[in-house]
N, C-alpha and C. Protein backbone atom coordinates (compact mmCIF):
# COMPACT_ATOMS: atom_id res chain seq x y z
N MET A 1 -113.03 -5.20 -215.55
CA MET A 1 -112.01 -4.35 -216.14
C MET A 1 -111.09 -3.81 -215.06
N MET A 2 -109.81 -3.90 -215.25
CA MET A 2 -108.86 -3.46 -214.26
C MET A 2 -108.49 -1.99 -214.48
N ASP A 3 -108.45 -1.22 -213.36
CA ASP A 3 -108.00 0.18 -213.48
C ASP A 3 -106.51 0.25 -213.72
N CYS A 4 -106.09 1.24 -214.46
CA CYS A 4 -104.68 1.44 -214.66
C CYS A 4 -104.11 2.24 -213.50
N PHE A 5 -102.79 2.19 -213.33
CA PHE A 5 -102.11 2.74 -212.15
C PHE A 5 -101.00 3.67 -212.55
N TRP A 6 -100.76 4.64 -211.69
CA TRP A 6 -99.62 5.56 -211.88
C TRP A 6 -98.77 5.53 -210.60
N LEU A 7 -97.55 5.88 -210.77
CA LEU A 7 -96.66 6.03 -209.61
C LEU A 7 -95.92 7.35 -209.80
N ALA A 8 -96.03 8.25 -208.83
CA ALA A 8 -95.40 9.55 -208.91
C ALA A 8 -94.09 9.53 -208.16
N ALA A 9 -93.12 10.29 -208.67
CA ALA A 9 -91.82 10.40 -207.98
C ALA A 9 -91.67 11.81 -207.42
N LEU A 10 -91.10 11.90 -206.25
CA LEU A 10 -90.84 13.18 -205.64
C LEU A 10 -89.31 13.42 -205.66
N ASP A 11 -88.94 14.65 -205.88
CA ASP A 11 -87.50 14.96 -205.86
C ASP A 11 -87.05 15.16 -204.42
N ASP A 12 -85.83 15.60 -204.22
CA ASP A 12 -85.26 15.76 -202.87
C ASP A 12 -86.01 16.79 -202.02
N ASP A 13 -86.70 17.73 -202.67
CA ASP A 13 -87.44 18.74 -201.95
C ASP A 13 -88.92 18.36 -201.77
N ASN A 14 -89.22 17.11 -201.97
CA ASN A 14 -90.61 16.59 -201.88
C ASN A 14 -91.54 17.27 -202.88
N GLU A 15 -91.00 17.71 -204.01
CA GLU A 15 -91.78 18.26 -205.09
C GLU A 15 -92.04 17.16 -206.12
N PRO A 16 -93.29 17.08 -206.59
CA PRO A 16 -93.54 16.09 -207.66
C PRO A 16 -92.81 16.55 -208.90
N HIS A 17 -92.11 15.65 -209.53
CA HIS A 17 -91.42 16.07 -210.76
C HIS A 17 -91.70 15.22 -211.97
N LYS A 18 -92.21 14.03 -211.79
CA LYS A 18 -92.62 13.24 -212.96
C LYS A 18 -93.38 12.01 -212.54
N ILE A 19 -94.07 11.45 -213.44
CA ILE A 19 -94.73 10.15 -213.26
C ILE A 19 -93.72 9.12 -213.71
N ILE A 20 -93.32 8.25 -212.77
CA ILE A 20 -92.25 7.28 -213.11
C ILE A 20 -92.76 5.91 -213.47
N GLY A 21 -94.06 5.67 -213.40
CA GLY A 21 -94.52 4.37 -213.76
C GLY A 21 -96.02 4.35 -214.01
N SER A 22 -96.45 3.44 -214.82
CA SER A 22 -97.88 3.26 -215.04
C SER A 22 -98.08 1.83 -215.53
N GLY A 23 -99.29 1.39 -215.46
CA GLY A 23 -99.57 0.04 -215.85
C GLY A 23 -100.79 -0.49 -215.17
N CYS A 24 -100.95 -1.77 -215.14
CA CYS A 24 -102.12 -2.38 -214.54
C CYS A 24 -101.73 -3.50 -213.57
N HIS A 25 -100.65 -3.28 -212.84
CA HIS A 25 -100.17 -4.25 -211.87
C HIS A 25 -100.42 -3.71 -210.47
N LYS A 26 -101.46 -4.21 -209.82
CA LYS A 26 -101.84 -3.71 -208.50
C LYS A 26 -100.76 -3.89 -207.47
N ASP A 27 -99.93 -4.92 -207.61
CA ASP A 27 -98.90 -5.19 -206.63
C ASP A 27 -97.71 -4.23 -206.70
N ARG A 28 -97.55 -3.47 -207.77
CA ARG A 28 -96.37 -2.62 -207.93
C ARG A 28 -96.68 -1.14 -207.94
N LEU A 29 -97.85 -0.75 -208.42
CA LEU A 29 -98.11 0.67 -208.61
C LEU A 29 -99.43 1.05 -207.92
N ARG A 30 -99.55 2.32 -207.60
CA ARG A 30 -100.76 2.82 -206.96
C ARG A 30 -101.77 3.29 -207.99
N PRO A 31 -103.07 3.22 -207.67
CA PRO A 31 -104.07 3.70 -208.60
C PRO A 31 -103.94 5.21 -208.76
N GLN A 32 -104.29 5.69 -209.95
CA GLN A 32 -104.16 7.14 -210.25
C GLN A 32 -104.87 7.96 -209.19
N SER A 33 -106.08 7.56 -208.81
CA SER A 33 -106.85 8.34 -207.86
C SER A 33 -106.12 8.43 -206.49
N GLU A 34 -105.44 7.37 -206.09
CA GLU A 34 -104.72 7.34 -204.85
C GLU A 34 -103.50 8.26 -204.92
N VAL A 35 -102.77 8.20 -206.04
CA VAL A 35 -101.61 9.08 -206.23
C VAL A 35 -102.05 10.53 -206.22
N LEU A 36 -103.12 10.85 -206.92
CA LEU A 36 -103.60 12.23 -206.98
C LEU A 36 -104.07 12.70 -205.63
N SER A 37 -104.74 11.82 -204.89
CA SER A 37 -105.17 12.15 -203.55
C SER A 37 -103.95 12.41 -202.63
N LEU A 38 -102.98 11.55 -202.71
CA LEU A 38 -101.75 11.72 -201.93
C LEU A 38 -101.07 13.04 -202.25
N LEU A 39 -100.93 13.34 -203.52
CA LEU A 39 -100.25 14.58 -203.94
C LEU A 39 -101.06 15.78 -203.53
N ASN A 40 -102.39 15.72 -203.67
CA ASN A 40 -103.20 16.87 -203.27
C ASN A 40 -103.07 17.13 -201.79
N HIS A 41 -103.10 16.07 -200.96
CA HIS A 41 -102.95 16.25 -199.52
C HIS A 41 -101.58 16.80 -199.16
N ARG A 42 -100.53 16.21 -199.77
CA ARG A 42 -99.18 16.58 -199.42
C ARG A 42 -98.84 18.00 -199.85
N PHE A 43 -99.45 18.50 -200.91
CA PHE A 43 -99.11 19.82 -201.45
C PHE A 43 -100.28 20.77 -201.39
N SER A 44 -101.19 20.61 -200.45
CA SER A 44 -102.38 21.45 -200.43
C SER A 44 -102.06 22.91 -200.16
N GLY A 45 -100.90 23.19 -199.56
CA GLY A 45 -100.51 24.55 -199.30
C GLY A 45 -99.93 25.22 -200.54
N LYS A 46 -99.70 24.51 -201.60
CA LYS A 46 -99.17 25.04 -202.82
C LYS A 46 -100.23 24.95 -203.91
N LYS A 47 -99.88 25.42 -205.09
CA LYS A 47 -100.82 25.25 -206.21
C LYS A 47 -101.15 23.77 -206.32
N SER A 48 -102.36 23.42 -206.45
CA SER A 48 -102.84 22.04 -206.40
C SER A 48 -102.26 21.24 -207.57
N CYS A 49 -101.09 20.67 -207.36
CA CYS A 49 -100.43 19.98 -208.46
C CYS A 49 -101.19 18.73 -208.89
N SER A 50 -101.90 18.10 -207.97
CA SER A 50 -102.59 16.89 -208.37
C SER A 50 -103.69 17.17 -209.37
N LEU A 51 -104.36 18.32 -209.21
CA LEU A 51 -105.39 18.67 -210.19
C LEU A 51 -104.71 19.01 -211.51
N ASN A 52 -103.60 19.71 -211.42
CA ASN A 52 -102.91 20.07 -212.65
C ASN A 52 -102.39 18.85 -213.37
N LEU A 53 -101.93 17.86 -212.62
CA LEU A 53 -101.45 16.59 -213.23
C LEU A 53 -102.57 15.92 -213.97
N SER A 54 -103.78 16.00 -213.46
CA SER A 54 -104.89 15.34 -214.08
C SER A 54 -105.55 16.19 -215.19
N GLY A 55 -104.96 17.33 -215.46
CA GLY A 55 -105.49 18.18 -216.54
C GLY A 55 -106.56 19.12 -216.11
N LEU A 56 -106.85 19.22 -214.82
CA LEU A 56 -107.89 20.13 -214.33
C LEU A 56 -107.22 21.36 -213.73
N PRO A 57 -107.92 22.51 -213.76
CA PRO A 57 -107.32 23.72 -213.17
C PRO A 57 -107.26 23.53 -211.63
N GLY A 58 -106.16 23.97 -211.05
CA GLY A 58 -106.00 23.84 -209.62
C GLY A 58 -105.84 25.24 -208.99
N GLU A 59 -106.48 25.41 -207.82
CA GLU A 59 -106.41 26.68 -207.12
C GLU A 59 -106.51 26.38 -205.62
N VAL A 60 -105.80 27.18 -204.82
CA VAL A 60 -105.82 27.00 -203.37
C VAL A 60 -106.32 28.28 -202.73
N ASN A 61 -107.30 28.17 -201.86
CA ASN A 61 -107.79 29.31 -201.09
C ASN A 61 -107.00 29.30 -199.77
N TYR A 62 -106.00 30.19 -199.70
CA TYR A 62 -105.11 30.16 -198.53
C TYR A 62 -105.81 30.59 -197.25
N ASP A 63 -106.95 31.25 -197.34
CA ASP A 63 -107.72 31.59 -196.12
C ASP A 63 -108.38 30.35 -195.55
N ALA A 64 -108.49 29.29 -196.33
CA ALA A 64 -109.19 28.08 -195.90
C ALA A 64 -108.20 26.97 -195.51
N ILE A 65 -106.96 27.31 -195.24
CA ILE A 65 -105.97 26.31 -194.81
C ILE A 65 -106.00 26.27 -193.30
N PRO A 66 -106.31 25.13 -192.70
CA PRO A 66 -106.36 25.09 -191.25
C PRO A 66 -104.96 25.09 -190.61
N SER A 67 -104.89 25.61 -189.44
CA SER A 67 -103.68 25.56 -188.62
C SER A 67 -104.02 24.78 -187.36
N ILE A 68 -103.25 23.76 -187.10
CA ILE A 68 -103.54 22.88 -185.94
C ILE A 68 -102.28 22.66 -185.10
N ILE A 69 -102.40 22.81 -183.81
CA ILE A 69 -101.30 22.54 -182.90
C ILE A 69 -101.73 21.35 -182.03
N TYR A 70 -100.98 20.29 -182.11
CA TYR A 70 -101.34 19.06 -181.41
C TYR A 70 -100.74 19.03 -180.03
N THR A 71 -101.26 19.91 -179.16
CA THR A 71 -100.87 19.95 -177.78
C THR A 71 -102.08 19.54 -176.96
N TRP A 72 -101.99 19.64 -175.64
CA TRP A 72 -103.17 19.43 -174.84
C TRP A 72 -103.37 20.65 -174.00
N PRO A 73 -104.43 21.39 -174.18
CA PRO A 73 -105.49 21.13 -175.13
C PRO A 73 -105.03 21.48 -176.56
N GLU A 74 -105.76 20.91 -177.53
CA GLU A 74 -105.43 21.18 -178.93
C GLU A 74 -105.84 22.60 -179.28
N VAL A 75 -105.16 23.15 -180.31
CA VAL A 75 -105.48 24.48 -180.80
C VAL A 75 -105.67 24.35 -182.33
N ALA A 76 -106.76 24.90 -182.84
CA ALA A 76 -106.99 24.87 -184.30
C ALA A 76 -107.62 26.17 -184.73
N SER A 77 -107.27 26.59 -185.91
CA SER A 77 -107.85 27.82 -186.45
C SER A 77 -107.89 27.78 -187.96
N VAL A 78 -108.77 28.63 -188.50
CA VAL A 78 -108.83 28.79 -189.95
C VAL A 78 -109.34 30.22 -190.20
N GLY A 79 -108.86 30.81 -191.28
CA GLY A 79 -109.32 32.16 -191.61
C GLY A 79 -108.53 33.23 -190.88
N LEU A 80 -109.14 34.39 -190.72
CA LEU A 80 -108.51 35.56 -190.15
C LEU A 80 -108.54 35.53 -188.63
N THR A 81 -107.53 36.18 -188.02
CA THR A 81 -107.54 36.41 -186.57
C THR A 81 -108.28 37.70 -186.32
N GLU A 82 -108.62 37.95 -185.09
CA GLU A 82 -109.32 39.17 -184.74
C GLU A 82 -108.45 40.40 -185.03
N GLU A 83 -107.15 40.27 -184.82
CA GLU A 83 -106.21 41.37 -185.10
C GLU A 83 -106.21 41.67 -186.60
N GLN A 84 -106.20 40.64 -187.45
CA GLN A 84 -106.23 40.87 -188.90
C GLN A 84 -107.50 41.52 -189.35
N VAL A 85 -108.62 41.15 -188.74
CA VAL A 85 -109.91 41.74 -189.09
C VAL A 85 -109.89 43.22 -188.72
N LYS A 86 -109.37 43.55 -187.54
CA LYS A 86 -109.28 44.95 -187.13
C LYS A 86 -108.37 45.76 -188.04
N GLU A 87 -107.20 45.19 -188.39
CA GLU A 87 -106.27 45.86 -189.30
C GLU A 87 -106.91 46.18 -190.66
N ARG A 88 -107.78 45.34 -191.11
CA ARG A 88 -108.44 45.53 -192.41
C ARG A 88 -109.72 46.36 -192.34
N ASP A 89 -110.04 46.81 -191.14
CA ASP A 89 -111.25 47.62 -190.89
C ASP A 89 -112.51 46.94 -191.38
N ILE A 90 -112.61 45.66 -191.15
CA ILE A 90 -113.80 44.90 -191.51
C ILE A 90 -114.76 44.93 -190.31
N PRO A 91 -116.02 45.35 -190.54
CA PRO A 91 -116.98 45.29 -189.43
C PRO A 91 -117.28 43.82 -189.11
N TYR A 92 -117.15 43.46 -187.83
CA TYR A 92 -117.29 42.04 -187.49
C TYR A 92 -118.00 41.86 -186.17
N CYS A 93 -118.46 40.67 -185.95
CA CYS A 93 -119.07 40.21 -184.69
C CYS A 93 -118.30 38.99 -184.22
N VAL A 94 -118.33 38.81 -182.91
CA VAL A 94 -117.64 37.66 -182.28
C VAL A 94 -118.66 36.83 -181.55
N GLY A 95 -118.58 35.54 -181.73
CA GLY A 95 -119.41 34.60 -180.93
C GLY A 95 -118.46 33.60 -180.28
N THR A 96 -118.62 33.44 -178.98
CA THR A 96 -117.77 32.47 -178.26
C THR A 96 -118.66 31.54 -177.44
N TYR A 97 -118.06 30.39 -177.14
CA TYR A 97 -118.82 29.44 -176.30
C TYR A 97 -117.78 28.54 -175.62
N PRO A 98 -117.87 28.36 -174.32
CA PRO A 98 -116.92 27.51 -173.58
C PRO A 98 -117.28 26.04 -173.71
N PHE A 99 -116.29 25.19 -173.74
CA PHE A 99 -116.54 23.76 -173.78
C PHE A 99 -117.26 23.31 -172.53
N ALA A 100 -117.11 24.05 -171.43
CA ALA A 100 -117.79 23.67 -170.17
C ALA A 100 -119.30 23.62 -170.35
N GLY A 101 -119.85 24.28 -171.37
CA GLY A 101 -121.26 24.27 -171.62
C GLY A 101 -121.74 23.10 -172.48
N ALA A 102 -120.80 22.34 -173.02
CA ALA A 102 -121.16 21.19 -173.86
C ALA A 102 -121.19 19.95 -173.01
N GLY A 103 -122.30 19.26 -173.03
CA GLY A 103 -122.50 18.05 -172.20
C GLY A 103 -121.43 16.99 -172.40
N ARG A 104 -121.06 16.72 -173.63
CA ARG A 104 -120.08 15.70 -173.94
C ARG A 104 -118.72 16.08 -173.37
N ALA A 105 -118.37 17.34 -173.45
CA ALA A 105 -117.11 17.80 -172.89
C ALA A 105 -117.09 17.62 -171.39
N ARG A 106 -118.18 17.92 -170.73
CA ARG A 106 -118.25 17.76 -169.28
C ARG A 106 -118.16 16.29 -168.88
N CYS A 107 -118.86 15.43 -169.61
CA CYS A 107 -118.84 13.99 -169.31
C CYS A 107 -117.45 13.37 -169.46
N MET A 108 -116.72 13.89 -170.46
CA MET A 108 -115.40 13.33 -170.76
C MET A 108 -114.26 14.08 -170.10
N GLY A 109 -114.57 15.02 -169.22
CA GLY A 109 -113.53 15.76 -168.52
C GLY A 109 -112.78 16.72 -169.40
N GLY A 110 -113.37 17.20 -170.49
CA GLY A 110 -112.72 18.11 -171.40
C GLY A 110 -113.35 19.50 -171.36
N LYS A 111 -113.61 20.01 -170.16
CA LYS A 111 -114.31 21.27 -170.03
C LYS A 111 -113.48 22.49 -170.35
N ASP A 112 -112.19 22.36 -170.33
CA ASP A 112 -111.29 23.51 -170.55
C ASP A 112 -111.18 23.82 -172.04
N GLY A 113 -111.55 25.03 -172.41
CA GLY A 113 -111.42 25.44 -173.78
C GLY A 113 -112.59 26.29 -174.22
N VAL A 114 -112.45 26.84 -175.43
CA VAL A 114 -113.47 27.76 -175.94
C VAL A 114 -113.42 27.72 -177.47
N VAL A 115 -114.59 28.01 -178.07
CA VAL A 115 -114.71 28.17 -179.53
C VAL A 115 -115.01 29.67 -179.75
N LYS A 116 -114.30 30.27 -180.72
CA LYS A 116 -114.48 31.67 -181.04
C LYS A 116 -114.68 31.78 -182.56
N ILE A 117 -115.77 32.43 -182.96
CA ILE A 117 -116.06 32.60 -184.40
C ILE A 117 -116.13 34.09 -184.67
N LEU A 118 -115.45 34.51 -185.74
CA LEU A 118 -115.51 35.88 -186.23
C LEU A 118 -116.34 35.89 -187.52
N ALA A 119 -117.31 36.76 -187.56
CA ALA A 119 -118.17 36.83 -188.75
C ALA A 119 -118.39 38.28 -189.15
N HIS A 120 -118.57 38.52 -190.43
CA HIS A 120 -118.80 39.85 -190.95
C HIS A 120 -120.09 40.37 -190.33
N ALA A 121 -120.07 41.62 -189.86
CA ALA A 121 -121.23 42.18 -189.14
C ALA A 121 -122.46 42.32 -190.01
N LYS A 122 -122.27 42.58 -191.32
CA LYS A 122 -123.43 42.82 -192.18
C LYS A 122 -123.91 41.56 -192.88
N THR A 123 -122.97 40.73 -193.34
CA THR A 123 -123.38 39.54 -194.12
C THR A 123 -123.40 38.27 -193.31
N GLY A 124 -122.70 38.25 -192.17
CA GLY A 124 -122.62 37.03 -191.35
C GLY A 124 -121.60 36.03 -191.86
N ARG A 125 -120.94 36.35 -192.97
CA ARG A 125 -119.92 35.44 -193.57
C ARG A 125 -118.82 35.20 -192.55
N ILE A 126 -118.45 33.95 -192.40
CA ILE A 126 -117.41 33.57 -191.45
C ILE A 126 -116.06 34.07 -191.92
N LEU A 127 -115.37 34.82 -191.06
CA LEU A 127 -114.07 35.35 -191.39
C LEU A 127 -112.94 34.52 -190.76
N GLY A 128 -113.23 33.95 -189.59
CA GLY A 128 -112.24 33.13 -188.94
C GLY A 128 -112.86 32.34 -187.80
N VAL A 129 -112.26 31.19 -187.48
CA VAL A 129 -112.68 30.34 -186.39
C VAL A 129 -111.46 29.91 -185.63
N HIS A 130 -111.53 29.97 -184.29
CA HIS A 130 -110.44 29.61 -183.43
C HIS A 130 -110.95 28.70 -182.33
N ILE A 131 -110.33 27.55 -182.20
CA ILE A 131 -110.80 26.57 -181.22
C ILE A 131 -109.64 26.17 -180.31
N LEU A 132 -109.84 26.27 -179.03
CA LEU A 132 -108.88 25.83 -178.03
C LEU A 132 -109.63 24.82 -177.17
N GLY A 133 -109.20 23.57 -177.25
CA GLY A 133 -109.87 22.56 -176.45
C GLY A 133 -109.77 21.17 -177.06
N PRO A 134 -110.41 20.21 -176.38
CA PRO A 134 -110.39 18.84 -176.88
C PRO A 134 -111.06 18.73 -178.24
N ARG A 135 -110.52 17.89 -179.09
CA ARG A 135 -111.08 17.58 -180.42
C ARG A 135 -111.07 18.79 -181.36
N ALA A 136 -110.28 19.81 -181.04
CA ALA A 136 -110.19 20.98 -181.93
C ALA A 136 -109.69 20.59 -183.32
N SER A 137 -108.79 19.65 -183.38
CA SER A 137 -108.27 19.24 -184.69
C SER A 137 -109.35 18.56 -185.53
N ASP A 138 -110.31 17.94 -184.94
CA ASP A 138 -111.41 17.31 -185.65
C ASP A 138 -112.49 18.34 -186.02
N MET A 139 -112.77 19.24 -185.09
CA MET A 139 -113.85 20.21 -185.31
C MET A 139 -113.52 21.24 -186.35
N ILE A 140 -112.24 21.51 -186.58
CA ILE A 140 -111.90 22.58 -187.52
C ILE A 140 -112.27 22.26 -188.96
N ALA A 141 -112.44 21.00 -189.27
CA ALA A 141 -112.79 20.62 -190.64
C ALA A 141 -114.13 21.25 -191.10
N GLU A 142 -115.08 21.26 -190.22
CA GLU A 142 -116.38 21.89 -190.54
C GLU A 142 -116.19 23.38 -190.82
N CYS A 143 -115.31 24.01 -190.08
CA CYS A 143 -115.05 25.43 -190.25
C CYS A 143 -114.27 25.72 -191.52
N VAL A 144 -113.36 24.82 -191.89
CA VAL A 144 -112.63 24.99 -193.17
C VAL A 144 -113.62 24.95 -194.31
N LEU A 145 -114.52 24.01 -194.29
CA LEU A 145 -115.56 23.92 -195.31
C LEU A 145 -116.40 25.19 -195.36
N ALA A 146 -116.76 25.72 -194.19
CA ALA A 146 -117.55 26.92 -194.12
C ALA A 146 -116.81 28.09 -194.74
N VAL A 147 -115.55 28.26 -194.41
CA VAL A 147 -114.76 29.35 -194.96
C VAL A 147 -114.59 29.17 -196.48
N GLU A 148 -114.31 27.96 -196.91
CA GLU A 148 -114.13 27.70 -198.33
C GLU A 148 -115.35 28.05 -199.18
N PHE A 149 -116.53 27.76 -198.62
CA PHE A 149 -117.74 27.98 -199.40
C PHE A 149 -118.45 29.30 -199.03
N GLY A 150 -117.79 30.14 -198.23
CA GLY A 150 -118.38 31.45 -197.87
C GLY A 150 -119.63 31.35 -197.02
N ALA A 151 -119.70 30.38 -196.16
CA ALA A 151 -120.87 30.19 -195.31
C ALA A 151 -120.96 31.28 -194.26
N SER A 152 -122.17 31.44 -193.78
CA SER A 152 -122.39 32.46 -192.72
C SER A 152 -122.44 31.71 -191.37
N SER A 153 -122.34 32.53 -190.32
CA SER A 153 -122.46 31.93 -189.00
C SER A 153 -123.84 31.31 -188.79
N GLU A 154 -124.82 31.86 -189.43
CA GLU A 154 -126.18 31.33 -189.32
C GLU A 154 -126.26 29.92 -189.98
N ASP A 155 -125.46 29.71 -191.03
CA ASP A 155 -125.42 28.39 -191.66
C ASP A 155 -124.97 27.33 -190.66
N ILE A 156 -123.94 27.67 -189.86
CA ILE A 156 -123.46 26.72 -188.84
C ILE A 156 -124.46 26.61 -187.73
N ALA A 157 -125.04 27.74 -187.32
CA ALA A 157 -126.01 27.75 -186.21
C ALA A 157 -127.24 26.90 -186.54
N ARG A 158 -127.67 26.93 -187.79
CA ARG A 158 -128.88 26.20 -188.17
C ARG A 158 -128.63 24.75 -188.59
N THR A 159 -127.35 24.40 -188.73
CA THR A 159 -127.03 23.00 -189.07
C THR A 159 -127.20 22.13 -187.85
N VAL A 160 -127.86 21.04 -188.01
CA VAL A 160 -128.09 20.13 -186.87
C VAL A 160 -126.77 19.45 -186.51
N HIS A 161 -126.40 19.60 -185.26
CA HIS A 161 -125.19 18.94 -184.74
C HIS A 161 -125.65 17.81 -183.80
N GLY A 162 -124.95 16.73 -183.84
CA GLY A 162 -125.30 15.61 -182.99
C GLY A 162 -125.24 16.00 -181.52
N HIS A 163 -126.00 15.28 -180.71
CA HIS A 163 -125.99 15.52 -179.26
C HIS A 163 -125.83 14.21 -178.53
N PRO A 164 -124.95 14.14 -177.59
CA PRO A 164 -123.99 15.18 -177.19
C PRO A 164 -122.67 15.04 -177.99
N THR A 165 -122.17 16.16 -178.45
CA THR A 165 -120.90 16.18 -179.16
C THR A 165 -120.10 17.43 -178.77
N PHE A 166 -118.81 17.38 -179.03
CA PHE A 166 -117.98 18.55 -178.82
C PHE A 166 -118.36 19.68 -179.81
N ALA A 167 -118.81 19.27 -181.02
CA ALA A 167 -119.15 20.23 -182.06
C ALA A 167 -120.33 21.11 -181.67
N GLU A 168 -121.10 20.73 -180.67
CA GLU A 168 -122.19 21.58 -180.24
C GLU A 168 -121.66 22.93 -179.75
N ALA A 169 -120.44 22.96 -179.22
CA ALA A 169 -119.83 24.21 -178.82
C ALA A 169 -119.63 25.14 -180.00
N LEU A 170 -119.33 24.58 -181.14
CA LEU A 170 -119.20 25.37 -182.39
C LEU A 170 -120.56 25.94 -182.78
N GLN A 171 -121.59 25.13 -182.73
CA GLN A 171 -122.92 25.59 -183.05
C GLN A 171 -123.35 26.71 -182.09
N GLU A 172 -123.11 26.55 -180.80
CA GLU A 172 -123.45 27.56 -179.81
C GLU A 172 -122.72 28.86 -180.05
N ALA A 173 -121.45 28.79 -180.41
CA ALA A 173 -120.67 30.00 -180.70
C ALA A 173 -121.26 30.71 -181.93
N ALA A 174 -121.67 29.95 -182.89
CA ALA A 174 -122.30 30.57 -184.08
C ALA A 174 -123.64 31.22 -183.71
N MET A 175 -124.39 30.60 -182.80
CA MET A 175 -125.66 31.20 -182.37
C MET A 175 -125.40 32.48 -181.58
N ALA A 176 -124.28 32.56 -180.83
CA ALA A 176 -123.96 33.73 -180.03
C ALA A 176 -123.69 34.97 -180.92
N ILE A 177 -123.34 34.77 -182.15
CA ILE A 177 -123.08 35.89 -183.07
C ILE A 177 -124.38 36.66 -183.35
N ARG A 178 -125.49 36.01 -183.31
CA ARG A 178 -126.78 36.65 -183.57
C ARG A 178 -127.01 37.90 -182.72
N LYS A 179 -126.47 37.86 -181.50
CA LYS A 179 -126.65 38.99 -180.57
C LYS A 179 -125.99 40.25 -181.12
N CYS A 180 -124.96 40.09 -181.95
CA CYS A 180 -124.24 41.24 -182.47
C CYS A 180 -124.75 41.62 -183.88
N SER A 181 -125.30 40.68 -184.62
CA SER A 181 -125.67 40.88 -185.98
C SER A 181 -126.71 41.99 -186.14
N ILE A 182 -126.67 42.71 -187.23
CA ILE A 182 -127.65 43.75 -187.49
C ILE A 182 -129.03 43.15 -187.74
N TYR A 183 -129.06 41.81 -188.00
CA TYR A 183 -130.32 41.15 -188.25
C TYR A 183 -130.94 40.55 -187.00
N ALA A 184 -130.23 40.69 -185.85
CA ALA A 184 -130.75 40.11 -184.61
C ALA A 184 -132.04 40.81 -184.21
N SER A 185 -132.94 40.03 -183.63
CA SER A 185 -134.21 40.62 -183.25
C SER A 185 -134.31 40.66 -181.74
C-alpha cells in the first residue's frame, strides 16, 4: 500500500498558508510526515502549526527553546540565565564543570570551556543550562529534553553517559549541584 503525500506552501513571510497538493506520486510530493516534520522544525518557535495541521493540539514551551551560537568555541543554552533566576527570587544552586576535566576534550584539544547548570535549590529541577565549549550545540539537546520534561539535576547526574565523551562534563556539572542541594549528605 502506498502512502499518500502532501505538499505545503509557504507565503512570502515563510508562514504556512495552505496545502497545495496531495496524492500518491512519490516523485512530485512529499509524504505527510515529512511535511509535518519540516513545518514543526521550521516553526518550532511559534505555535506548533504542524500539529495543528494534523488536527492535534500544539503547544510550545518557550523555556525549552535552545539558543546556539556557532562560533569557536560554541555557545549553547536553554532555560533561564542566572540573572533571570535572581530577578525572580528563585532559590537555586549552581553546578559547573570545566571541559579540561573531561578525558575526550583533553584528547581532542578541546579543553577550553565550561558547563554550568542552574537548578532549583529545593526540588533540583533544572532551571537553565549554559555550555561554552566544543560540541555545545550537540550537548544542549539533552538539556532541552531535561527542561521540557521537568527533570532534576540528579536525573542527569544518574544517567549513564558514555566514556570518554564531551557529555561527561554535563554529568559532572549536574553532580556538582549536590554540594549545594538541601538533600546533600
